[in-house]
């Protein structure tokens, strides 16, 4: 815009010069007008420059105002976010406070239950604790004594039980020997080649490995046997050396008498 006015002014000056040359009489007047036009052009150019500077300043201020407005908007949003965070924090703290109040009420109820007459002082609690410890020590000592008595009683009972079992075993053995003494069995087999005799009485009948066997035929004594293999229902025996008479042999059907005496 400024250049346009300058060009227009130059054209006007050129036109004025042409007119002045065409009319010498009005040259001075035209020169004066030209000078006035130059002054006007200079003034208008200055005014135009000032107007443009003011426009630039206004635009710059407007830009700064926009920036400030944007910054203010961002600050407002930040404050809003902070307010939301603070509001949530307040809600959380309120919830925590309610929880603490509930826990406090529970603790108060527990204290009232444990201490119905009110909370005791530290000295009173220490004294009560000492009494409880002494009572506990006394009860522990009583329990220790009772444990020792029980252990002694158990040991005594174990000894008595062992004696009873020993006596039972003795009486059972004695009864078996009494039952066996005088029991009559029969020779069921004789192997002269191998020299053994089988008798139809064994462990199930109360026969022991140390039992003494006497062989009789009728009222006559035939010989003696020694058990070498004791079975449940039978006994394998050897003939005791020199227990039979000359030319006498043990035969199937001979009776066998157990001579074990009771203790």
C-alpha atoms as a PDB file:
ATOM      1  CA  UNK A   1       0.000   0.000   0.000  1.00  0.00           C
ATOM      2  CA  UNK A   2       2.801   2.368   0.818  1.00  0.00           C
ATOM      3  CA  UNK A   3       4.547   1.732  -2.516  1.00  0.00           C
ATOM      4  CA  UNK A   4       1.294   2.324  -4.373  1.00  0.00           C
ATOM      5  CA  UNK A   5       0.973   5.805  -2.884  1.00  0.00           C
ATOM      6  CA  UNK A   6       4.572   6.600  -3.695  1.00  0.00           C
ATOM      7  CA  UNK A   7       4.152   5.517  -7.320  1.00  0.00           C
ATOM      8  CA  UNK A   8       0.945   7.517  -7.554  1.00  0.00           C
ATOM      9  CA  UNK A   9       2.744  10.560  -6.199  1.00  0.00           C
ATOM     10  CA  UNK A  10       5.561  10.194  -8.708  1.00  0.00           C
ATOM     11  CA  UNK A  11       3.057   9.936 -11.550  1.00  0.00           C
ATOM     12  CA  UNK A  12       1.337  13.035 -10.309  1.00  0.00           C
ATOM     13  CA  UNK A  13       4.653  14.848 -10.225  1.00  0.00           C
ATOM     14  CA  UNK A  14       5.483  13.718 -13.750  1.00  0.00           C
ATOM     15  CA  UNK A  15       2.073  14.882 -14.954  1.00  0.00           C
ATOM     16  CA  UNK A  16       2.596  18.175 -13.252  1.00  0.00           C
ATOM     17  CA  UNK A  17       5.971  18.586 -14.944  1.00  0.00           C
ATOM     18  CA  UNK A  18       4.479  17.847 -18.334  1.00  0.00           C
ATOM     19  CA  UNK A  19       1.688  20.314 -17.720  1.00  0.00           C
ATOM     20  CA  UNK A  20       4.232  22.832 -16.457  1.00  0.00           C
ATOM     21  CA  UNK A  21       6.325  22.507 -19.559  1.00  0.00           C
ATOM     22  CA  UNK A  22       3.183  22.981 -21.615  1.00  0.00           C
ATOM     23  CA  UNK A  23       2.238  26.003 -19.678  1.00  0.00           C
ATOM     24  CA  UNK A  24       5.241  28.055 -18.585  1.00  0.00           C
ATOM     25  CA  UNK A  25       3.119  30.672 -17.060  1.00  0.00           C
ATOM     26  CA  UNK A  26       1.805  28.316 -14.409  1.00  0.00           C
ATOM     27  CA  UNK A  27       5.179  26.601 -13.789  1.00  0.00           C
ATOM     28  CA  UNK A  28       5.878  28.236 -10.509  1.00  0.00           C
ATOM     29  CA  UNK A  29       2.381  27.534  -9.308  1.00  0.00           C
ATOM     30  CA  UNK A  30       2.776  23.968 -10.429  1.00  0.00           C
ATOM     31  CA  UNK A  31       6.140  23.703  -8.649  1.00  0.00           C
ATOM     32  CA  UNK A  32       4.549  24.975  -5.483  1.00  0.00           C
ATOM     33  CA  UNK A  33       1.783  22.468  -5.832  1.00  0.00           C
ATOM     34  CA  UNK A  34       4.350  19.775  -6.511  1.00  0.00           C
ATOM     35  CA  UNK A  35       6.228  20.708  -3.369  1.00  0.00           C
ATOM     36  CA  UNK A  36       2.951  20.603  -1.492  1.00  0.00           C
ATOM     37  CA  UNK A  37       2.169  17.241  -3.011  1.00  0.00           C
ATOM     38  CA  UNK A  38       5.643  15.976  -1.984  1.00  0.00           C
ATOM     39  CA  UNK A  39       5.025  17.214   1.529  1.00  0.00           C
ATOM     40  CA  UNK A  40       1.607  15.546   1.507  1.00  0.00           C
ATOM     41  CA  UNK A  41       3.119  12.318   0.133  1.00  0.00           C
ATOM     42  CA  UNK A  42       5.789  12.371   2.846  1.00  0.00           C
ATOM     43  CA  UNK A  43       3.178  13.073   5.516  1.00  0.00           C
ATOM     44  CA  UNK A  44       0.847  10.364   4.229  1.00  0.00           C
ATOM     45  CA  UNK A  45       3.776   7.918   3.989  1.00  0.00           C
ATOM     46  CA  UNK A  46       4.734   8.692   7.567  1.00  0.00           C
ATOM     47  CA  UNK A  47       1.150   8.299   8.717  1.00  0.00           C
ATOM     48  CA  UNK A  48       0.890   5.080   6.747  1.00  0.00           C
ATOM     49  CA  UNK A  49       4.112   3.749   8.350  1.00  0.00           C
ATOM     50  CA  UNK A  50       2.824   4.684  11.791  1.00  0.00           C
ATOM     51  CA  UNK A  51      -0.489   2.988  10.993  1.00  0.00           C
ATOM     52  CA  UNK A  52       1.323  -0.136   9.824  1.00  0.00           C
ATOM     53  CA  UNK A  53       3.521  -0.091  12.948  1.00  0.00           C
ATOM     54  CA  UNK A  54       0.435   0.272  15.098  1.00  0.00           C
ATOM     55  CA  UNK A  55      -1.194  -2.582  13.185  1.00  0.00           C
ATOM     56  CA  UNK A  56       1.915  -4.767  13.729  1.00  0.00           C
ATOM     57  CA  UNK A  57       1.955  -3.837  17.412  1.00  0.00           C
ATOM     58  CA  UNK A  58      -1.734  -4.611  17.663  1.00  0.00           C
ATOM     59  CA  UNK A  59      -1.205  -7.980  15.952  1.00  0.00           C
ATOM     60  CA  UNK A  60       1.724  -8.740  18.245  1.00  0.00           C
ATOM     61  CA  UNK A  61      -0.324  -7.785  21.290  1.00  0.00           C
ATOM     62  CA  UNK A  62      -3.181  -9.893  19.993  1.00  0.00           C
ATOM     63  CA  UNK A  63      -0.792 -12.848  19.552  1.00  0.00           C
ATOM     64  CA  UNK A  64       0.561 -12.325  23.055  1.00  0.00           C
ATOM     65  CA  UNK A  65      -2.998 -12.092  24.340  1.00  0.00           C
ATOM     66  CA  UNK A  66      -3.855 -15.355  22.576  1.00  0.00           C
ATOM     67  CA  UNK A  67      -0.762 -16.994  24.062  1.00  0.00           C
ATOM     68  CA  UNK A  68      -1.679 -15.714  27.486  1.00  0.00           C
ATOM     69  CA  UNK A  69      -5.245 -16.904  26.996  1.00  0.00           C
ATOM     70  CA  UNK A  70      -3.998 -20.331  25.920  1.00  0.00           C
ATOM     71  CA  UNK A  71      -1.620 -20.456  28.876  1.00  0.00           C
ATOM     72  CA  UNK A  72      -4.439 -19.385  31.157  1.00  0.00           C
ATOM     73  CA  UNK A  73      -6.702 -22.090  29.684  1.00  0.00           C
ATOM     74  CA  UNK A  74      -3.964 -24.697  30.179  1.00  0.00           C
ATOM     75  CA  UNK A  75      -3.446 -23.458  33.731  1.00  0.00           C
ATOM     76  CA  UNK A  76      -7.193 -23.670  34.354  1.00  0.00           C
ATOM     77  CA  UNK A  77      -7.259 -27.252  33.037  1.00  0.00           C
ATOM     78  CA  UNK A  78      -4.286 -28.101  35.219  1.00  0.00           C
ATOM     79  CA  UNK A  79      -6.043 -26.616  38.218  1.00  0.00           C
ATOM     80  CA  UNK A  80      -9.173 -28.607  37.356  1.00  0.00           C
ATOM     81  CA  UNK A  81      -7.139 -31.805  37.170  1.00  0.00           C
ATOM     82  CA  UNK A  82      -5.437 -30.982  40.459  1.00  0.00           C
ATOM     83  CA  UNK A  83      -8.850 -30.310  41.990  1.00  0.00           C
ATOM     84  CA  UNK A  84     -10.076 -33.703  40.760  1.00  0.00           C
ATOM     85  CA  UNK A  85      -6.984 -35.384  42.233  1.00  0.00           C
ATOM     86  CA  UNK A  86      -7.485 -33.499  45.501  1.00  0.00           C
ATOM     87  CA  UNK A  87     -11.166 -34.468  45.534  1.00  0.00           C
ATOM     88  CA  UNK A  88     -10.270 -38.140  45.058  1.00  0.00           C
ATOM     89  CA  UNK A  89      -7.597 -37.862  47.731  1.00  0.00           C
ATOM     90  CA  UNK A  90     -10.163 -36.326  50.079  1.00  0.00           C
ATOM     91  CA  UNK A  91     -12.556 -39.205  49.333  1.00  0.00           C
ATOM     92  CA  UNK A  92      -9.798 -41.740  50.007  1.00  0.00           C
ATOM     93  CA  UNK A  93      -8.821 -40.002  53.225  1.00  0.00           C
ATOM     94  CA  UNK A  94     -12.469 -39.927  54.245  1.00  0.00           C
ATOM     95  CA  UNK A  95     -12.770 -43.658  53.597  1.00  0.00           C
ATOM     96  CA  UNK A  96      -9.554 -44.282  55.565  1.00  0.00           C
ATOM     97  CA  UNK A  97     -10.867 -42.113  58.375  1.00  0.00           C
ATOM     98  CA  UNK A  98     -14.124 -44.097  58.491  1.00  0.00           C
ATOM     99  CA  UNK A  99     -12.131 -47.344  58.538  1.00  0.00           C
ATOM    100  CA  UNK A 100      -9.966 -46.012  61.376  1.00  0.00           C
ATOM    101  CA  UNK A 101     -13.087 -44.974  63.290  1.00  0.00           C
ATOM    102  CA  UNK A 102     -14.551 -48.483  62.882  1.00  0.00           C
ATOM    103  CA  UNK A 103     -11.263 -50.079  64.019  1.00  0.00           C
ATOM    104  CA  UNK A 104     -11.147 -47.688  66.973  1.00  0.00           C
ATOM    105  CA  UNK A 105     -14.660 -48.716  67.982  1.00  0.00           C
ATOM    106  CA  UNK A 106     -13.678 -52.388  67.720  1.00  0.00           C
ATOM    107  CA  UNK A 107     -10.575 -51.750  69.850  1.00  0.00           C
ATOM    108  CA  UNK A 108     -12.672 -49.853  72.395  1.00  0.00           C
ATOM    109  CA  UNK A 109     -15.127 -52.759  72.573  1.00  0.00           C
ATOM    110  CA  UNK A 110     -12.250 -55.222  73.004  1.00  0.00           C
ATOM    111  CA  UNK A 111     -10.679 -53.101  75.729  1.00  0.00           C
ATOM    112  CA  UNK A 112     -14.061 -52.834  77.467  1.00  0.00           C
ATOM    113  CA  UNK A 113     -14.405 -56.617  77.270  1.00  0.00           C
ATOM    114  CA  UNK A 114     -10.896 -57.322  78.576  1.00  0.00           C
ATOM    115  CA  UNK A 115     -10.963 -54.533  81.131  1.00  0.00           C
ATOM    116  CA  UNK A 116     -14.608 -54.190  82.231  1.00  0.00           C
ATOM    117  CA  UNK A 117     -13.541 -51.998  85.140  1.00  0.00           C
ATOM    118  CA  UNK A 118     -11.431 -49.727  83.001  1.00  0.00           C
ATOM    119  CA  UNK A 119      -7.884 -49.847  81.705  1.00  0.00           C
ATOM    120  CA  UNK A 120      -5.401 -50.570  84.455  1.00  0.00           C
ATOM    121  CA  UNK A 121      -2.188 -48.651  85.010  1.00  0.00           C
ATOM    122  CA  UNK A 122       1.199 -49.945  83.889  1.00  0.00           C
ATOM    123  CA  UNK A 123       2.151 -50.834  87.491  1.00  0.00           C
ATOM    124  CA  UNK A 124      -1.082 -52.745  87.982  1.00  0.00           C
ATOM    125  CA  UNK A 125      -0.569 -54.607  84.718  1.00  0.00           C
ATOM    126  CA  UNK A 126       3.027 -55.455  85.670  1.00  0.00           C
ATOM    127  CA  UNK A 127       1.903 -56.725  89.054  1.00  0.00           C
ATOM    128  CA  UNK A 128      -0.818 -58.844  87.470  1.00  0.00           C
ATOM    129  CA  UNK A 129       1.638 -60.147  84.890  1.00  0.00           C
ATOM    130  CA  UNK A 130       4.067 -61.108  87.676  1.00  0.00           C
ATOM    131  CA  UNK A 131       1.288 -62.949  89.516  1.00  0.00           C
ATOM    132  CA  UNK A 132       0.284 -64.771  86.345  1.00  0.00           C
ATOM    133  CA  UNK A 133       3.911 -65.756  85.696  1.00  0.00           C
ATOM    134  CA  UNK A 134       4.287 -67.047  89.264  1.00  0.00           C
ATOM    135  CA  UNK A 135       1.061 -69.011  88.920  1.00  0.00           C
ATOM    136  CA  UNK A 136       2.230 -70.411  85.602  1.00  0.00           C
ATOM    137  CA  UNK A 137       5.586 -71.426  87.129  1.00  0.00           C
ATOM    138  CA  UNK A 138       3.794 -73.145  90.006  1.00  0.00           C
ATOM    139  CA  UNK A 139       1.510 -75.007  87.611  1.00  0.00           C
ATOM    140  CA  UNK A 140       4.500 -75.991  85.481  1.00  0.00           C
ATOM    141  CA  UNK A 141       6.231 -77.364  88.578  1.00  0.00           C
ATOM    142  CA  UNK A 142       3.102 -79.309  89.499  1.00  0.00           C
ATOM    143  CA  UNK A 143       2.888 -80.637  85.945  1.00  0.00           C
ATOM    144  CA  UNK A 144       6.567 -81.642  86.084  1.00  0.00           C
ATOM    145  CA  UNK A 145       6.007 -83.507  89.350  1.00  0.00           C
ATOM    146  CA  UNK A 146       2.940 -85.193  87.913  1.00  0.00           C
ATOM    147  CA  UNK A 147       4.890 -86.184  84.801  1.00  0.00           C
ATOM    148  CA  UNK A 148       7.615 -87.675  87.009  1.00  0.00           C
ATOM    149  CA  UNK A 149       4.995 -89.575  89.020  1.00  0.00           C
ATOM    150  CA  UNK A 150       3.324 -90.802  85.858  1.00  0.00           C
ATOM    151  CA  UNK A 151       6.698 -91.880  84.421  1.00  0.00           C
ATOM    152  CA  UNK A 152       7.516 -93.727  87.654  1.00  0.00           C
ATOM    153  CA  UNK A 153       4.067 -95.331  87.676  1.00  0.00           C
ATOM    154  CA  UNK A 154       4.433 -96.341  84.034  1.00  0.00           C
ATOM    155  CA  UNK A 155       7.866 -97.803  84.731  1.00  0.00           C
ATOM    156  CA  UNK A 156       6.520 -99.687  87.747  1.00  0.00           C
ATOM    157  CA  UNK A 157       3.559-100.908  85.734  1.00  0.00           C
ATOM    158  CA  UNK A 158       5.836-102.024  82.915  1.00  0.00           C
ATOM    159  CA  UNK A 159       7.891-103.987  85.433  1.00  0.00           C
ATOM    160  CA  UNK A 160       4.765-105.515  86.914  1.00  0.00           C
ATOM    161  CA  UNK A 161       3.416-106.328  83.439  1.00  0.00           C
ATOM    162  CA  UNK A 162       6.738-107.975  82.572  1.00  0.00           C
ATOM    163  CA  UNK A 163       6.582-110.009  85.777  1.00  0.00           C
ATOM    164  CA  UNK A 164       2.985-110.988  85.032  1.00  0.00           C
ATOM    165  CA  UNK A 165       3.885-112.005  81.483  1.00  0.00           C
ATOM    166  CA  UNK A 166       6.865-113.946  82.793  1.00  0.00           C
ATOM    167  CA  UNK A 167       4.661-115.677  85.330  1.00  0.00           C
ATOM    168  CA  UNK A 168       2.055-116.384  82.649  1.00  0.00           C
ATOM    169  CA  UNK A 169       4.718-117.877  80.396  1.00  0.00           C
ATOM    170  CA  UNK A 170       5.989-119.957  83.288  1.00  0.00           C
ATOM    171  CA  UNK A 171       2.523-121.181  84.202  1.00  0.00           C
ATOM    172  CA  UNK A 172       1.693-121.936  80.563  1.00  0.00           C
ATOM    173  CA  UNK A 173       4.946-123.872  80.178  1.00  0.00           C
ATOM    174  CA  UNK A 174       4.286-125.691  83.432  1.00  0.00           C
ATOM    175  CA  UNK A 175       0.745-126.533  82.363  1.00  0.00           C
ATOM    176  CA  UNK A 176       2.005-127.765  79.021  1.00  0.00           C
ATOM    177  CA  UNK A 177       4.596-129.919  80.734  1.00  0.00           C
ATOM    178  CA  UNK A 178       1.989-131.257  83.159  1.00  0.00           C
ATOM    179  CA  UNK A 179      -0.337-131.986  80.270  1.00  0.00           C
ATOM    180  CA  UNK A 180       2.481-133.576  78.302  1.00  0.00           C
ATOM    181  CA  UNK A 181       3.744-135.697  81.219  1.00  0.00           C
ATOM    182  CA  UNK A 182       2.253-139.107  80.822  1.00  0.00           C
ATOM    183  CA  UNK A 183       0.788-138.385  77.359  1.00  0.00           C
ATOM    184  CA  UNK A 184       0.846-141.499  75.180  1.00  0.00           C
ATOM    185  CA  UNK A 185       1.619-141.290  71.460  1.00  0.00           C
ATOM    186  CA  UNK A 186       2.289-143.976  68.868  1.00  0.00           C
ATOM    187  CA  UNK A 187       5.227-144.868  66.658  1.00  0.00           C
ATOM    188  CA  UNK A 188       3.824-144.491  63.130  1.00  0.00           C
ATOM    189  CA  UNK A 189       6.953-145.234  61.094  1.00  0.00           C
ATOM    190  CA  UNK A 190      10.418-146.722  61.507  1.00  0.00           C
ATOM    191  CA  UNK A 191      13.312-146.408  59.046  1.00  0.00           C
ATOM    192  CA  UNK A 192      15.967-148.893  60.037  1.00  0.00           C
ATOM    193  CA  UNK A 193      18.237-147.900  57.138  1.00  0.00           C
ATOM    194  CA  UNK A 194      18.419-144.265  58.241  1.00  0.00           C
ATOM    195  CA  UNK A 195      17.847-145.028  61.880  1.00  0.00           C
ATOM    196  CA  UNK A 196      14.965-142.658  62.636  1.00  0.00           C
ATOM    197  CA  UNK A 197      11.514-143.114  64.158  1.00  0.00           C
ATOM    198  CA  UNK A 198       8.405-140.960  63.521  1.00  0.00           C
ATOM    199  CA  UNK A 199       5.913-140.353  66.362  1.00  0.00           C
ATOM    200  CA  UNK A 200       2.386-138.927  65.818  1.00  0.00           C
ATOM    201  CA  UNK A 201       2.752-136.056  68.331  1.00  0.00           C
ATOM    202  CA  UNK A 202       4.363-132.692  67.732  1.00  0.00           C
ATOM    203  CA  UNK A 203       4.485-129.032  68.612  1.00  0.00           C
ATOM    204  CA  UNK A 204       0.678-128.688  68.457  1.00  0.00           C
ATOM    205  CA  UNK A 205       0.396-131.286  71.228  1.00  0.00           C
ATOM    206  CA  UNK A 206       2.763-129.407  73.533  1.00  0.00           C
ATOM    207  CA  UNK A 207       5.856-131.420  72.658  1.00  0.00           C
ATOM    208  CA  UNK A 208       9.115-129.572  73.167  1.00  0.00           C
ATOM    209  CA  UNK A 209      12.516-130.216  71.650  1.00  0.00           C
ATOM    210  CA  UNK A 210      13.863-131.354  75.027  1.00  0.00           C
ATOM    211  CA  UNK A 211      11.018-133.786  75.725  1.00  0.00           C
ATOM    212  CA  UNK A 212      12.021-137.271  76.924  1.00  0.00           C
ATOM    213  CA  UNK A 213      10.242-140.141  75.089  1.00  0.00           C
ATOM    214  CA  UNK A 214       9.923-143.679  76.485  1.00  0.00           C
ATOM    215  CA  UNK A 215       8.879-146.488  74.096  1.00  0.00           C
ATOM    216  CA  UNK A 216       6.836-149.392  75.515  1.00  0.00           C
ATOM    217  CA  UNK A 217       5.302-152.501  74.011  1.00  0.00           C
ATOM    218  CA  UNK A 218       2.565-153.689  76.297  1.00  0.00           C
ATOM    219  CA  UNK A 219       4.029-153.421  79.785  1.00  0.00           C
ATOM    220  CA  UNK A 220       7.567-153.991  78.570  1.00  0.00           C
ATOM    221  CA  UNK A 221      10.045-151.147  78.060  1.00  0.00           C
ATOM    222  CA  UNK A 222      11.511-151.160  74.556  1.00  0.00           C
ATOM    223  CA  UNK A 223      13.807-148.118  74.520  1.00  0.00           C
ATOM    224  CA  UNK A 224      14.147-144.297  74.511  1.00  0.00           C
ATOM    225  CA  UNK A 225      13.923-141.660  71.751  1.00  0.00           C
ATOM    226  CA  UNK A 226      15.541-138.218  71.249  1.00  0.00           C
ATOM    227  CA  UNK A 227      13.744-135.626  69.079  1.00  0.00           C
ATOM    228  CA  UNK A 228      15.810-134.401  66.123  1.00  0.00           C
ATOM    229  CA  UNK A 229      13.091-132.688  64.086  1.00  0.00           C
ATOM    230  CA  UNK A 230      10.022-131.258  65.808  1.00  0.00           C
ATOM    231  CA  UNK A 231       6.996-130.606  63.578  1.00  0.00           C
ATOM    232  CA  UNK A 232       3.484-129.390  64.306  1.00  0.00           C
ATOM    233  CA  UNK A 233       1.765-132.783  64.192  1.00  0.00           C
ATOM    234  CA  UNK A 234       4.700-135.202  64.360  1.00  0.00           C
ATOM    235  CA  UNK A 235       8.217-135.659  65.696  1.00  0.00           C
ATOM    236  CA  UNK A 236      11.190-137.284  63.999  1.00  0.00           C
ATOM    237  CA  UNK A 237      13.420-138.998  66.580  1.00  0.00           C
ATOM    238  CA  UNK A 238      16.652-140.940  66.895  1.00  0.00           C
ATOM    239  CA  UNK A 239      16.869-144.052  69.088  1.00  0.00           C
ATOM    240  CA  UNK A 240      18.981-143.337  72.159  1.00  0.00           C
ATOM    241  CA  UNK A 241      22.076-145.529  72.014  1.00  0.00           C
ATOM    242  CA  UNK A 242      22.066-148.546  74.365  1.00  0.00           C
ATOM    243  CA  UNK A 243      18.444-147.785  75.390  1.00  0.00           C
ATOM    244  CA  UNK A 244      17.087-150.957  73.700  1.00  0.00           C
ATOM    245  CA  UNK A 245      17.739-154.522  74.762  1.00  0.00           C
ATOM    246  CA  UNK A 246      19.750-157.041  72.733  1.00  0.00           C
ATOM    247  CA  UNK A 247      17.869-157.994  69.567  1.00  0.00           C
ATOM    248  CA  UNK A 248      14.987-155.622  70.405  1.00  0.00           C
ATOM    249  CA  UNK A 249      13.874-153.114  67.752  1.00  0.00           C
ATOM    250  CA  UNK A 250      11.288-150.394  67.891  1.00  0.00           C
ATOM    251  CA  UNK A 251       8.329-151.138  65.647  1.00  0.00           C
ATOM    252  CA  UNK A 252       5.306-149.172  64.304  1.00  0.00           C
ATOM    253  CA  UNK A 253       2.452-149.374  66.810  1.00  0.00           C
ATOM    254  CA  UNK A 254       4.708-149.159  69.851  1.00  0.00           C
ATOM    255  CA  UNK A 255       3.465-146.672  72.420  1.00  0.00           C
ATOM    256  CA  UNK A 256       5.487-143.585  73.274  1.00  0.00           C
ATOM    257  CA  UNK A 257       5.195-142.024  76.749  1.00  0.00           C
ATOM    258  CA  UNK A 258       6.421-138.464  77.396  1.00  0.00           C
ATOM    259  CA  UNK A 259       8.254-138.353  80.689  1.00  0.00           C
ATOM    260  CA  UNK A 260       8.807-134.611  81.000  1.00  0.00           C
ATOM    261  CA  UNK A 261       8.248-133.688  84.652  1.00  0.00           C
ATOM    262  CA  UNK A 262       6.666-130.451  85.777  1.00  0.00           C
ATOM    263  CA  UNK A 263       9.038-127.892  87.395  1.00  0.00           C
END
